[in-house]
N, C-alpha and C. Protein backbone atom coordinates (compact mmCIF):
# COMPACT_ATOMS: atom_id res chain seq x y z
N MET A 1 -21.42 -55.75 -33.88
CA MET A 1 -20.67 -55.62 -34.17
C MET A 1 -20.07 -54.10 -35.27
N SER A 2 -19.24 -53.06 -34.53
CA SER A 2 -18.82 -51.98 -35.05
C SER A 2 -18.91 -52.33 -36.63
N ARG A 3 -19.28 -51.33 -37.94
CA ARG A 3 -18.83 -51.67 -39.13
C ARG A 3 -17.44 -51.20 -39.41
N ILE A 4 -16.91 -50.79 -38.41
CA ILE A 4 -15.23 -50.56 -38.42
C ILE A 4 -14.64 -51.40 -37.36
N ALA A 5 -13.73 -52.37 -38.24
CA ALA A 5 -13.38 -53.60 -37.52
C ALA A 5 -12.52 -53.31 -36.51
N ILE A 6 -12.44 -53.61 -35.48
CA ILE A 6 -11.53 -53.56 -33.83
C ILE A 6 -10.59 -54.98 -33.80
N LYS A 7 -9.44 -54.40 -33.93
CA LYS A 7 -8.36 -55.48 -32.89
C LYS A 7 -7.88 -54.86 -31.78
N ILE A 8 -8.07 -55.87 -30.71
CA ILE A 8 -7.38 -55.82 -29.43
C ILE A 8 -6.25 -56.70 -29.44
N CYS A 9 -5.24 -55.78 -29.30
CA CYS A 9 -3.88 -56.65 -29.58
C CYS A 9 -3.20 -56.68 -28.33
N GLY A 10 -2.50 -57.70 -27.82
CA GLY A 10 -1.39 -57.98 -26.83
C GLY A 10 -2.33 -58.33 -25.73
N LEU A 11 -3.34 -59.02 -25.66
CA LEU A 11 -4.07 -59.77 -24.56
C LEU A 11 -3.60 -60.61 -23.98
N SER A 12 -4.04 -60.66 -22.34
CA SER A 12 -2.83 -61.65 -21.90
C SER A 12 -3.89 -62.66 -21.43
N THR A 13 -4.74 -62.28 -20.54
CA THR A 13 -5.68 -63.02 -19.76
C THR A 13 -7.21 -63.43 -20.20
N PRO A 14 -8.03 -64.39 -19.60
CA PRO A 14 -9.13 -64.83 -20.63
C PRO A 14 -9.98 -63.76 -20.06
N GLU A 15 -9.86 -62.89 -19.17
CA GLU A 15 -10.73 -62.12 -19.18
C GLU A 15 -11.04 -60.55 -19.51
N THR A 16 -9.56 -60.48 -20.26
CA THR A 16 -9.62 -59.02 -21.26
C THR A 16 -9.96 -59.76 -22.40
N VAL A 17 -9.73 -61.30 -22.88
CA VAL A 17 -10.31 -61.59 -24.35
C VAL A 17 -11.53 -61.81 -24.06
N GLU A 18 -12.34 -61.88 -22.74
CA GLU A 18 -13.57 -61.94 -23.08
C GLU A 18 -14.69 -60.64 -23.19
N ALA A 19 -13.35 -59.69 -22.29
CA ALA A 19 -13.89 -58.27 -22.73
C ALA A 19 -14.00 -57.67 -24.33
N ALA A 20 -12.59 -58.08 -25.01
CA ALA A 20 -12.73 -57.59 -26.25
C ALA A 20 -13.51 -58.28 -27.19
N LEU A 21 -14.33 -59.72 -26.74
CA LEU A 21 -15.08 -60.24 -27.62
C LEU A 21 -17.04 -59.27 -27.21
N LYS A 22 -16.54 -59.39 -25.89
CA LYS A 22 -17.92 -58.84 -25.31
C LYS A 22 -17.79 -57.32 -26.13
N GLY A 23 -17.05 -56.95 -26.61
CA GLY A 23 -16.87 -55.18 -27.23
C GLY A 23 -17.23 -55.37 -28.79
N GLY A 24 -17.03 -56.45 -29.22
CA GLY A 24 -17.55 -56.39 -30.21
C GLY A 24 -16.56 -56.76 -31.57
N ALA A 25 -15.04 -56.74 -30.77
CA ALA A 25 -14.05 -56.85 -31.87
C ALA A 25 -13.55 -58.11 -32.76
N SER A 26 -13.17 -57.78 -34.11
CA SER A 26 -13.43 -58.53 -35.15
C SER A 26 -12.18 -59.32 -35.00
N HIS A 27 -11.26 -58.77 -34.27
CA HIS A 27 -9.81 -59.43 -34.12
C HIS A 27 -9.22 -59.54 -32.70
N VAL A 28 -8.76 -60.23 -32.44
CA VAL A 28 -7.71 -60.51 -31.08
C VAL A 28 -6.50 -60.93 -31.30
N GLY A 29 -5.73 -59.72 -30.80
CA GLY A 29 -4.23 -60.38 -30.86
C GLY A 29 -3.31 -60.77 -29.50
N PHE A 30 -2.42 -61.54 -30.00
CA PHE A 30 -2.02 -62.25 -29.42
C PHE A 30 0.34 -61.96 -29.38
N VAL A 31 0.89 -61.45 -28.55
CA VAL A 31 2.33 -60.96 -28.92
C VAL A 31 3.21 -62.53 -28.40
N HIS A 32 4.01 -62.79 -29.43
CA HIS A 32 5.07 -63.48 -28.84
C HIS A 32 6.51 -62.91 -29.32
N PHE A 33 6.68 -62.33 -28.52
CA PHE A 33 8.48 -61.43 -28.50
C PHE A 33 8.84 -61.26 -27.24
N ALA A 34 9.91 -61.79 -26.74
CA ALA A 34 10.51 -61.73 -25.41
C ALA A 34 10.99 -60.69 -24.92
N LYS A 35 10.80 -59.37 -25.79
CA LYS A 35 10.83 -58.12 -25.13
C LYS A 35 10.23 -57.36 -24.92
N SER A 36 8.59 -58.07 -24.86
CA SER A 36 7.55 -57.09 -24.97
C SER A 36 6.90 -57.65 -23.69
N PRO A 37 6.17 -56.50 -23.09
CA PRO A 37 5.77 -56.81 -21.73
C PRO A 37 4.31 -57.54 -21.97
N ARG A 38 3.93 -57.99 -23.44
CA ARG A 38 2.81 -58.23 -23.55
C ARG A 38 3.01 -59.95 -23.82
N HIS A 39 4.50 -60.24 -23.78
CA HIS A 39 4.76 -61.59 -24.33
C HIS A 39 3.87 -63.03 -24.01
N LEU A 40 3.81 -63.89 -24.60
CA LEU A 40 3.28 -64.99 -24.01
C LEU A 40 3.93 -66.32 -24.85
N GLU A 41 4.20 -66.94 -23.95
CA GLU A 41 4.74 -68.21 -24.55
C GLU A 41 3.43 -69.30 -25.57
N ILE A 42 3.94 -69.99 -26.09
CA ILE A 42 3.06 -70.34 -27.19
C ILE A 42 2.01 -71.37 -26.49
N ASP A 43 2.55 -72.17 -25.65
CA ASP A 43 1.31 -72.55 -24.79
C ASP A 43 -0.09 -71.64 -24.60
N ARG A 44 0.53 -70.54 -23.99
CA ARG A 44 -0.40 -69.88 -23.19
C ARG A 44 -1.19 -69.04 -24.21
N LEU A 45 -0.38 -68.77 -25.29
CA LEU A 45 -0.98 -67.81 -26.56
C LEU A 45 -2.07 -68.77 -27.17
N ALA A 46 -1.32 -70.05 -27.20
CA ALA A 46 -2.93 -71.39 -27.94
C ALA A 46 -3.98 -71.19 -27.39
N ALA A 47 -3.61 -71.52 -25.77
CA ALA A 47 -5.13 -71.24 -25.00
C ALA A 47 -5.67 -70.60 -25.15
N LEU A 48 -5.68 -68.82 -25.05
CA LEU A 48 -6.12 -68.03 -25.38
C LEU A 48 -6.61 -67.85 -26.17
N ALA A 49 -6.16 -67.75 -27.39
CA ALA A 49 -6.59 -67.83 -29.07
C ALA A 49 -8.13 -68.83 -29.26
N ARG A 50 -7.96 -69.99 -28.35
CA ARG A 50 -8.91 -71.00 -28.23
C ARG A 50 -10.30 -70.46 -27.73
N ARG A 51 -9.87 -69.21 -26.96
CA ARG A 51 -10.79 -68.74 -26.61
C ARG A 51 -12.19 -68.18 -27.32
N ALA A 52 -11.98 -67.77 -28.43
CA ALA A 52 -11.89 -66.85 -29.57
C ALA A 52 -13.26 -67.57 -30.86
N PRO A 53 -14.33 -67.27 -30.87
CA PRO A 53 -15.24 -68.18 -31.69
C PRO A 53 -14.50 -67.87 -33.40
N ASP A 54 -15.28 -68.79 -33.94
CA ASP A 54 -14.40 -68.64 -35.64
C ASP A 54 -14.76 -67.74 -36.50
N HIS A 55 -15.80 -66.96 -36.08
CA HIS A 55 -16.26 -65.52 -36.78
C HIS A 55 -14.85 -64.27 -36.59
N VAL A 56 -14.23 -64.73 -35.21
CA VAL A 56 -13.02 -63.96 -34.62
C VAL A 56 -11.93 -64.48 -35.40
N GLY A 57 -11.20 -63.08 -35.67
CA GLY A 57 -9.72 -63.06 -36.31
C GLY A 57 -8.74 -63.40 -35.10
N ARG A 58 -8.27 -64.50 -34.95
CA ARG A 58 -7.10 -64.59 -34.33
C ARG A 58 -5.54 -64.40 -34.59
N VAL A 59 -4.65 -63.19 -34.10
CA VAL A 59 -3.91 -62.54 -34.38
C VAL A 59 -2.33 -63.12 -33.81
N ALA A 60 -1.26 -63.59 -34.27
CA ALA A 60 -0.38 -63.80 -33.31
C ALA A 60 0.70 -62.88 -34.06
N VAL A 61 1.74 -61.68 -33.14
CA VAL A 61 2.15 -60.95 -33.76
C VAL A 61 3.46 -61.28 -33.61
N LEU A 62 4.23 -61.16 -34.30
CA LEU A 62 5.15 -61.58 -33.90
C LEU A 62 6.39 -60.91 -35.00
N VAL A 63 7.77 -60.95 -34.51
CA VAL A 63 9.04 -60.18 -34.67
C VAL A 63 10.07 -60.87 -35.71
N GLN A 64 10.14 -60.68 -36.69
CA GLN A 64 11.35 -61.36 -37.55
C GLN A 64 11.57 -63.06 -37.33
N PRO A 65 10.19 -63.61 -37.36
CA PRO A 65 9.86 -64.59 -37.09
C PRO A 65 10.92 -66.15 -37.79
N ASP A 66 11.29 -67.16 -37.08
CA ASP A 66 12.06 -67.82 -38.53
C ASP A 66 10.96 -69.25 -38.57
N ASP A 67 11.29 -69.93 -39.39
CA ASP A 67 10.09 -71.01 -39.83
C ASP A 67 9.88 -71.80 -38.95
N ALA A 68 10.85 -72.60 -37.78
CA ALA A 68 10.39 -72.94 -36.89
C ALA A 68 9.58 -72.69 -35.80
N LEU A 69 9.51 -71.25 -35.50
CA LEU A 69 8.39 -70.39 -34.79
C LEU A 69 7.28 -70.39 -35.28
N LEU A 70 7.32 -70.20 -36.66
CA LEU A 70 5.60 -69.87 -37.35
C LEU A 70 5.34 -71.44 -37.50
N ALA A 71 6.02 -72.13 -37.69
CA ALA A 71 5.32 -74.06 -37.89
C ALA A 71 4.60 -74.06 -36.33
N ALA A 72 5.12 -73.46 -35.30
CA ALA A 72 4.65 -73.78 -33.77
C ALA A 72 3.35 -73.10 -33.52
N ILE A 73 3.27 -71.91 -34.30
CA ILE A 73 2.40 -70.46 -33.81
C ILE A 73 1.21 -70.94 -34.95
N ALA A 74 1.68 -70.95 -36.38
CA ALA A 74 0.50 -70.96 -37.26
C ALA A 74 -0.65 -71.76 -37.00
N PRO A 75 -0.92 -72.89 -36.47
CA PRO A 75 -1.76 -73.86 -36.13
C PRO A 75 -2.76 -73.45 -35.12
N HIS A 76 -2.36 -72.33 -34.54
CA HIS A 76 -2.97 -71.69 -33.54
C HIS A 76 -3.93 -70.22 -33.81
N VAL A 77 -3.62 -69.97 -34.89
CA VAL A 77 -4.11 -68.62 -35.18
C VAL A 77 -4.72 -68.77 -36.94
N ASP A 78 -5.43 -67.52 -36.65
CA ASP A 78 -5.86 -67.46 -38.44
C ASP A 78 -5.06 -66.66 -39.44
N ILE A 79 -4.45 -65.43 -38.61
CA ILE A 79 -3.25 -64.38 -38.53
C ILE A 79 -1.84 -64.39 -38.28
N VAL A 80 -0.98 -63.98 -38.89
CA VAL A 80 0.16 -63.68 -38.66
C VAL A 80 0.56 -62.56 -38.87
N GLN A 81 0.84 -61.14 -38.12
CA GLN A 81 0.85 -60.49 -38.23
C GLN A 81 2.59 -59.95 -38.02
N LEU A 82 3.12 -59.24 -39.21
CA LEU A 82 4.74 -59.51 -38.99
C LEU A 82 4.94 -58.09 -38.57
N HIS A 83 5.81 -57.73 -37.66
CA HIS A 83 5.93 -56.38 -36.77
C HIS A 83 7.40 -56.22 -37.00
N GLY A 84 8.35 -56.51 -37.40
CA GLY A 84 9.77 -56.60 -37.53
C GLY A 84 10.36 -55.91 -39.33
N ASP A 85 11.36 -56.36 -39.55
CA ASP A 85 11.99 -55.60 -40.66
C ASP A 85 11.86 -56.38 -41.61
N GLU A 86 10.93 -57.56 -41.93
CA GLU A 86 10.82 -58.64 -42.78
C GLU A 86 10.90 -57.92 -43.86
N THR A 87 11.61 -58.52 -45.22
CA THR A 87 11.01 -58.09 -46.28
C THR A 87 9.82 -58.36 -47.12
N PRO A 88 9.70 -58.09 -48.23
CA PRO A 88 8.56 -58.30 -48.91
C PRO A 88 8.85 -59.88 -49.50
N GLU A 89 10.17 -60.00 -49.64
CA GLU A 89 10.35 -61.26 -50.25
C GLU A 89 9.96 -62.58 -48.60
N ARG A 90 10.31 -61.98 -47.98
CA ARG A 90 10.08 -62.88 -46.71
C ARG A 90 8.80 -63.11 -46.42
N ALA A 91 8.00 -61.99 -46.58
CA ALA A 91 6.48 -62.10 -46.47
C ALA A 91 5.85 -62.88 -47.03
N ALA A 92 5.89 -62.97 -48.37
CA ALA A 92 5.25 -63.81 -49.72
C ALA A 92 5.75 -65.04 -49.10
N ALA A 93 7.08 -65.77 -48.81
CA ALA A 93 7.47 -66.77 -48.41
C ALA A 93 6.86 -67.26 -47.44
N ILE A 94 6.78 -66.55 -46.21
CA ILE A 94 5.76 -66.91 -44.91
C ILE A 94 4.51 -67.50 -45.68
N ARG A 95 4.13 -66.43 -46.08
CA ARG A 95 2.33 -66.86 -46.67
C ARG A 95 2.07 -67.91 -47.27
N ALA A 96 2.90 -68.39 -48.10
CA ALA A 96 3.17 -69.42 -49.41
C ALA A 96 3.31 -70.40 -48.14
N ARG A 97 4.07 -70.62 -47.36
CA ARG A 97 4.34 -71.79 -46.81
C ARG A 97 3.58 -72.12 -45.67
N PHE A 98 2.93 -71.36 -45.01
CA PHE A 98 2.37 -71.47 -43.90
C PHE A 98 0.58 -71.21 -44.32
N GLY A 99 0.31 -70.76 -45.21
CA GLY A 99 -0.89 -70.60 -45.70
C GLY A 99 -1.94 -70.04 -44.55
N ARG A 100 -1.30 -68.94 -44.02
CA ARG A 100 -2.09 -68.09 -42.93
C ARG A 100 -2.26 -66.54 -43.72
N THR A 101 -2.98 -65.94 -43.33
CA THR A 101 -3.62 -64.77 -43.67
C THR A 101 -2.47 -63.76 -42.94
N LEU A 102 -1.70 -62.93 -43.97
CA LEU A 102 -0.54 -62.34 -43.46
C LEU A 102 -0.64 -60.70 -43.25
N TRP A 103 -0.73 -59.75 -42.22
CA TRP A 103 -0.60 -58.79 -41.89
C TRP A 103 0.67 -58.22 -41.78
N LYS A 104 1.46 -57.15 -42.03
CA LYS A 104 2.65 -56.40 -41.99
C LYS A 104 2.27 -54.75 -41.64
N ALA A 105 3.18 -54.78 -40.52
CA ALA A 105 3.06 -53.25 -40.07
C ALA A 105 4.22 -52.50 -40.69
N ILE A 106 3.95 -51.20 -41.20
CA ILE A 106 4.57 -50.20 -42.00
C ILE A 106 5.02 -49.09 -40.77
N PRO A 107 5.80 -48.98 -40.43
CA PRO A 107 6.09 -48.14 -39.69
C PRO A 107 5.89 -46.46 -40.19
N VAL A 108 5.30 -45.46 -39.37
CA VAL A 108 5.30 -44.37 -40.40
C VAL A 108 5.31 -43.17 -39.29
N LYS A 109 6.79 -42.37 -39.91
CA LYS A 109 6.47 -41.00 -39.57
C LYS A 109 6.12 -39.81 -40.34
N THR A 110 7.04 -40.03 -41.77
CA THR A 110 6.72 -38.79 -42.78
C THR A 110 5.83 -39.84 -44.12
N ARG A 111 5.54 -38.54 -44.93
CA ARG A 111 4.50 -39.31 -45.87
C ARG A 111 5.22 -40.77 -46.91
N ALA A 112 6.72 -40.11 -46.78
CA ALA A 112 7.16 -40.99 -47.76
C ALA A 112 7.79 -42.31 -46.70
N ASP A 113 7.14 -42.54 -45.82
CA ASP A 113 7.16 -43.57 -44.46
C ASP A 113 6.16 -44.77 -45.37
N LEU A 114 4.56 -43.89 -46.28
CA LEU A 114 3.95 -44.78 -46.70
C LEU A 114 3.82 -45.48 -47.79
N ALA A 115 5.13 -44.83 -48.53
CA ALA A 115 5.17 -45.71 -50.06
C ALA A 115 5.82 -46.74 -49.66
N ALA A 116 6.83 -46.68 -48.23
CA ALA A 116 7.41 -48.12 -47.99
C ALA A 116 6.20 -49.72 -48.40
N GLY A 117 4.89 -49.27 -48.10
CA GLY A 117 3.82 -50.42 -47.96
C GLY A 117 4.11 -50.92 -49.42
N SER A 118 3.77 -50.01 -50.26
CA SER A 118 3.94 -50.34 -51.77
C SER A 118 4.45 -51.57 -52.28
N ALA A 119 5.63 -52.00 -51.68
CA ALA A 119 6.58 -53.06 -51.59
C ALA A 119 5.65 -54.23 -51.35
N TYR A 120 4.84 -54.46 -50.62
CA TYR A 120 4.20 -55.36 -49.83
C TYR A 120 3.00 -55.80 -50.71
N ALA A 121 2.63 -54.84 -51.71
CA ALA A 121 1.40 -55.24 -52.14
C ALA A 121 1.59 -56.84 -52.94
N GLY A 122 0.69 -57.58 -52.88
CA GLY A 122 0.81 -58.70 -53.73
C GLY A 122 1.36 -59.90 -52.57
N ALA A 123 2.52 -59.67 -51.68
CA ALA A 123 3.50 -60.41 -50.56
C ALA A 123 2.45 -60.43 -49.15
N VAL A 124 1.51 -59.68 -48.94
CA VAL A 124 0.58 -59.94 -47.38
C VAL A 124 -1.12 -59.54 -47.99
N ASP A 125 -1.71 -59.52 -46.77
CA ASP A 125 -2.99 -59.34 -47.62
C ASP A 125 -3.59 -58.44 -46.18
N MET A 126 -2.62 -57.42 -45.69
CA MET A 126 -3.51 -56.17 -45.21
C MET A 126 -1.60 -55.35 -44.54
N LEU A 127 -2.07 -54.38 -44.65
CA LEU A 127 -0.90 -53.36 -44.18
C LEU A 127 -1.52 -52.67 -42.95
N LEU A 128 -0.64 -52.71 -41.95
CA LEU A 128 -0.99 -51.93 -40.53
C LEU A 128 -0.14 -50.50 -40.41
N TYR A 129 -0.77 -49.54 -40.64
CA TYR A 129 -0.15 -48.37 -40.64
C TYR A 129 0.45 -47.84 -39.16
N ASP A 130 1.23 -47.86 -38.45
CA ASP A 130 1.59 -47.67 -37.33
C ASP A 130 2.85 -46.71 -37.09
N ALA A 131 3.01 -46.26 -36.01
CA ALA A 131 3.48 -44.71 -35.53
C ALA A 131 5.02 -45.44 -35.41
N LYS A 132 6.08 -45.18 -36.01
CA LYS A 132 7.40 -45.50 -36.18
C LYS A 132 7.96 -45.36 -34.92
N THR A 133 8.70 -46.08 -34.41
CA THR A 133 9.57 -46.29 -33.01
C THR A 133 10.44 -45.21 -32.83
N PRO A 134 11.15 -44.57 -32.06
CA PRO A 134 12.68 -44.27 -32.06
C PRO A 134 13.44 -45.20 -32.22
N LYS A 135 14.68 -44.56 -33.07
CA LYS A 135 15.81 -45.50 -33.30
C LYS A 135 16.12 -45.88 -32.28
N GLY A 136 16.52 -47.41 -32.06
CA GLY A 136 16.99 -48.07 -30.67
C GLY A 136 16.09 -48.47 -29.74
N ALA A 137 15.03 -48.22 -30.09
CA ALA A 137 13.94 -48.76 -29.04
C ALA A 137 13.89 -50.14 -29.12
N ASP A 138 13.43 -50.67 -28.41
CA ASP A 138 13.82 -52.44 -27.86
C ASP A 138 12.23 -52.32 -28.15
N LEU A 139 10.97 -52.06 -28.69
CA LEU A 139 9.84 -52.68 -28.79
C LEU A 139 9.72 -51.93 -30.40
N PRO A 140 9.29 -52.94 -31.64
CA PRO A 140 9.01 -52.24 -32.44
C PRO A 140 7.14 -51.31 -32.65
N GLY A 141 6.47 -51.66 -31.50
CA GLY A 141 5.60 -51.21 -31.27
C GLY A 141 4.67 -51.06 -29.83
N GLY A 142 3.26 -50.60 -29.66
CA GLY A 142 2.71 -50.97 -28.47
C GLY A 142 3.46 -49.87 -27.21
N MET A 143 4.05 -48.47 -27.77
CA MET A 143 4.28 -47.64 -27.04
C MET A 143 3.30 -46.62 -27.04
N GLY A 144 2.35 -46.46 -27.47
CA GLY A 144 1.54 -45.26 -27.50
C GLY A 144 1.53 -44.35 -27.90
N LEU A 145 2.63 -44.44 -29.12
CA LEU A 145 2.74 -43.27 -30.03
C LEU A 145 1.93 -43.29 -31.48
N ARG A 146 1.61 -42.27 -31.28
CA ARG A 146 0.73 -42.07 -32.67
C ARG A 146 1.48 -41.00 -34.34
N PHE A 147 1.45 -41.22 -34.76
CA PHE A 147 1.80 -40.35 -36.05
C PHE A 147 0.81 -39.40 -36.78
N ASP A 148 1.53 -38.32 -37.39
CA ASP A 148 0.53 -37.63 -37.86
C ASP A 148 -0.63 -38.60 -39.06
N TRP A 149 -1.95 -38.26 -38.78
CA TRP A 149 -2.85 -38.92 -39.35
C TRP A 149 -3.31 -38.31 -40.30
N ASP A 150 -2.83 -37.26 -40.51
CA ASP A 150 -3.29 -36.09 -41.81
C ASP A 150 -2.31 -36.64 -43.09
N LEU A 151 -1.29 -37.54 -42.73
CA LEU A 151 -0.51 -38.16 -43.86
C LEU A 151 -1.23 -39.31 -44.94
N LEU A 152 -2.45 -39.39 -44.29
CA LEU A 152 -3.41 -40.92 -44.55
C LEU A 152 -4.70 -39.84 -45.48
N ALA A 153 -4.69 -38.64 -45.17
CA ALA A 153 -5.86 -38.48 -45.78
C ALA A 153 -5.43 -38.14 -47.48
N GLY A 154 -6.30 -38.75 -48.15
CA GLY A 154 -6.35 -38.47 -49.45
C GLY A 154 -5.62 -39.42 -49.89
N PHE A 155 -4.53 -40.49 -49.25
CA PHE A 155 -4.05 -41.48 -49.73
C PHE A 155 -4.39 -42.89 -50.03
N ARG A 156 -4.09 -43.50 -50.62
CA ARG A 156 -4.67 -44.86 -51.48
C ARG A 156 -3.79 -45.67 -51.06
N PRO A 157 -4.06 -46.22 -50.23
CA PRO A 157 -2.99 -47.30 -49.89
C PRO A 157 -3.23 -48.17 -50.82
N PRO A 158 -1.84 -49.65 -51.45
CA PRO A 158 -1.93 -50.36 -52.53
C PRO A 158 -2.28 -51.72 -51.91
N ALA A 159 -3.17 -52.04 -50.81
CA ALA A 159 -3.67 -53.08 -50.18
C ALA A 159 -4.44 -52.69 -48.87
N PRO A 160 -5.57 -53.40 -49.10
CA PRO A 160 -6.29 -53.57 -47.37
C PRO A 160 -5.38 -53.18 -46.18
N TRP A 161 -5.84 -52.29 -45.61
CA TRP A 161 -5.60 -51.46 -44.60
C TRP A 161 -5.80 -51.40 -43.33
N GLY A 162 -4.93 -51.03 -42.26
CA GLY A 162 -5.61 -50.68 -40.92
C GLY A 162 -4.70 -49.66 -40.11
N LEU A 163 -5.28 -49.20 -38.86
CA LEU A 163 -4.37 -47.93 -38.47
C LEU A 163 -4.46 -48.38 -37.02
N SER A 164 -3.10 -48.04 -36.85
CA SER A 164 -2.29 -48.60 -35.01
C SER A 164 -1.49 -47.37 -34.81
N GLY A 165 -1.35 -47.13 -33.74
CA GLY A 165 -0.33 -46.26 -33.06
C GLY A 165 -1.46 -45.45 -32.21
N GLY A 166 -1.01 -45.37 -30.80
CA GLY A 166 -1.42 -44.28 -30.05
C GLY A 166 -3.21 -44.14 -29.75
N LEU A 167 -3.71 -45.02 -30.32
CA LEU A 167 -5.01 -44.82 -30.11
C LEU A 167 -5.81 -45.21 -29.31
N ASP A 168 -6.78 -44.30 -28.82
CA ASP A 168 -7.28 -44.66 -27.28
C ASP A 168 -9.26 -44.27 -27.84
N ALA A 169 -9.94 -44.86 -26.57
CA ALA A 169 -10.85 -44.13 -26.53
C ALA A 169 -11.26 -42.80 -26.98
N ASP A 170 -10.74 -41.95 -26.20
CA ASP A 170 -10.61 -40.28 -26.63
C ASP A 170 -10.38 -40.16 -28.30
N ASN A 171 -9.57 -40.54 -28.80
CA ASN A 171 -9.04 -40.31 -30.15
C ASN A 171 -9.34 -40.77 -31.13
N VAL A 172 -9.95 -42.36 -31.07
CA VAL A 172 -10.23 -43.01 -32.38
C VAL A 172 -11.21 -42.47 -33.25
N ALA A 173 -12.18 -41.83 -32.55
CA ALA A 173 -13.35 -41.34 -33.64
C ALA A 173 -12.74 -40.50 -34.44
N GLU A 174 -11.77 -39.48 -33.79
CA GLU A 174 -11.13 -38.45 -34.83
C GLU A 174 -10.03 -39.24 -36.18
N ALA A 175 -9.48 -40.05 -35.14
CA ALA A 175 -8.68 -40.46 -35.97
C ALA A 175 -9.38 -41.63 -37.11
N ILE A 176 -10.68 -42.05 -37.44
CA ILE A 176 -11.55 -42.98 -37.80
C ILE A 176 -11.74 -41.65 -38.79
N ARG A 177 -12.30 -40.49 -38.76
CA ARG A 177 -12.70 -39.59 -39.54
C ARG A 177 -11.83 -38.91 -40.30
N ILE A 178 -10.63 -38.68 -39.91
CA ILE A 178 -9.44 -37.97 -40.85
C ILE A 178 -8.60 -39.22 -41.70
N THR A 179 -8.65 -40.34 -41.40
CA THR A 179 -8.15 -41.20 -42.05
C THR A 179 -9.47 -42.25 -42.90
N GLY A 180 -10.42 -42.47 -42.43
CA GLY A 180 -11.13 -43.35 -43.49
C GLY A 180 -10.37 -44.86 -42.97
N ALA A 181 -9.77 -44.76 -42.06
CA ALA A 181 -9.50 -46.53 -41.48
C ALA A 181 -10.49 -47.56 -41.60
N PRO A 182 -10.45 -48.96 -42.14
CA PRO A 182 -11.32 -49.64 -42.30
C PRO A 182 -11.31 -50.54 -41.04
N LEU A 183 -10.14 -50.59 -40.43
CA LEU A 183 -9.51 -51.64 -39.07
C LEU A 183 -9.10 -50.39 -38.16
N VAL A 184 -9.20 -50.30 -37.09
CA VAL A 184 -8.28 -49.77 -36.00
C VAL A 184 -7.73 -50.86 -35.18
N ASP A 185 -6.64 -50.98 -34.53
CA ASP A 185 -5.67 -51.72 -33.65
C ASP A 185 -5.17 -50.88 -32.41
N VAL A 186 -5.62 -51.62 -31.28
CA VAL A 186 -5.07 -50.69 -30.01
C VAL A 186 -4.49 -51.84 -29.50
N SER A 187 -3.74 -51.39 -28.37
CA SER A 187 -3.00 -52.31 -27.54
C SER A 187 -2.55 -51.43 -26.07
N SER A 188 -1.76 -50.15 -26.41
CA SER A 188 -1.48 -49.48 -24.91
C SER A 188 -2.41 -48.70 -24.32
N GLY A 189 -3.57 -48.84 -25.39
CA GLY A 189 -4.26 -47.42 -25.59
C GLY A 189 -5.84 -47.86 -24.49
N VAL A 190 -5.77 -49.23 -24.21
CA VAL A 190 -6.93 -49.85 -23.24
C VAL A 190 -6.03 -50.67 -22.09
N GLU A 191 -4.83 -50.07 -21.70
CA GLU A 191 -3.81 -50.62 -20.78
C GLU A 191 -3.90 -49.47 -19.47
N SER A 192 -3.45 -50.07 -18.20
CA SER A 192 -3.51 -49.24 -16.88
C SER A 192 -1.87 -49.21 -16.65
N ALA A 193 -1.32 -50.73 -17.30
CA ALA A 193 -0.10 -50.25 -17.09
C ALA A 193 0.52 -50.83 -18.59
N PRO A 194 1.77 -50.77 -18.73
CA PRO A 194 2.45 -51.53 -19.76
C PRO A 194 1.72 -52.91 -19.48
N GLY A 195 1.30 -53.69 -20.96
CA GLY A 195 1.03 -54.95 -20.41
C GLY A 195 -0.29 -55.81 -19.51
N ILE A 196 -0.43 -54.97 -19.40
CA ILE A 196 -2.09 -54.96 -18.12
C ILE A 196 -3.34 -54.03 -18.42
N LYS A 197 -4.03 -55.09 -19.33
CA LYS A 197 -5.01 -54.66 -20.28
C LYS A 197 -6.32 -54.15 -19.13
N ASP A 198 -6.90 -53.14 -19.05
CA ASP A 198 -8.18 -52.87 -18.70
C ASP A 198 -9.46 -52.92 -19.13
N VAL A 199 -10.61 -53.88 -18.56
CA VAL A 199 -11.57 -54.14 -19.27
C VAL A 199 -12.65 -52.93 -19.56
N ASP A 200 -12.35 -52.01 -18.48
CA ASP A 200 -13.24 -50.84 -18.84
C ASP A 200 -12.73 -50.15 -19.91
N LYS A 201 -11.39 -50.13 -20.34
CA LYS A 201 -10.92 -49.54 -21.33
C LYS A 201 -11.27 -49.83 -22.48
N ILE A 202 -10.65 -51.22 -22.74
CA ILE A 202 -11.24 -51.99 -23.72
C ILE A 202 -12.68 -51.72 -23.87
N ALA A 203 -13.73 -51.70 -23.62
CA ALA A 203 -15.15 -51.67 -23.52
C ALA A 203 -15.48 -50.18 -24.16
N ALA A 204 -14.70 -49.20 -23.25
CA ALA A 204 -14.89 -47.88 -23.69
C ALA A 204 -14.19 -47.47 -25.74
N PHE A 205 -13.54 -48.28 -25.63
CA PHE A 205 -12.63 -48.31 -27.12
C PHE A 205 -13.80 -48.88 -28.05
N CYS A 206 -14.12 -49.80 -27.51
CA CYS A 206 -15.32 -50.61 -29.03
C CYS A 206 -16.49 -49.68 -28.89
N ASN A 207 -16.98 -48.86 -28.12
CA ASN A 207 -18.02 -48.12 -27.85
C ASN A 207 -17.85 -47.17 -28.62
N ALA A 208 -16.53 -46.33 -28.45
CA ALA A 208 -16.07 -45.20 -29.22
C ALA A 208 -15.95 -45.60 -30.56
N VAL A 209 -15.83 -46.80 -30.87
CA VAL A 209 -15.78 -47.09 -32.44
C VAL A 209 -16.85 -47.77 -33.04
N SER A 210 -18.07 -47.96 -32.18
CA SER A 210 -19.20 -48.20 -32.51
C SER A 210 -20.14 -47.21 -32.75
N THR A 211 -19.56 -45.81 -32.60
CA THR A 211 -20.50 -44.73 -32.93
C THR A 211 -19.78 -44.01 -33.82
N CYS A 212 -19.16 -44.68 -34.49
CA CYS A 212 -18.55 -44.01 -35.88
C CYS A 212 -18.95 -44.18 -36.87
């Protein structure tokens, strides 16, 4: 397994889950958000999550989840990743009630956006700096967009963190070199079409990270 943690997100088939595990991914991510091409119903999400061994983190990616949804999904995963406009107070309440490790995506376009993550220090376990999507976009992430990684050069995140947004096998080494990211998160960068993961691209991404 790479010394840099790897999350392969938006997995939807047994074959691609196995490819992520074979590549040495530390985390496998499953999306429950109806507007996403990677959306999984809860029973499908649970079945795929069961394929991951205990040493691999199973992540449910949710957008503005209510307590009923969290109660249905939390038993099947280790980590809940919030990818909407959840406030620090809501995040803290989710972590306290459901007892799962909590990640929060922080949309970034400018250096000022990085500061938004500070409000979540103490409320979540990890911040995931992701590219800010265009105003009015249907999806909060997974669009292949990247932000200026130089914004993170010399920045001291207020909590454990990871890097997401526009990563692929060709640029992930550069992203790690510039930012020092301890975890990288990929979705569209290992797809042949929106929502369709490619086992060869997963392998190439994991291999690229392993050389860093």
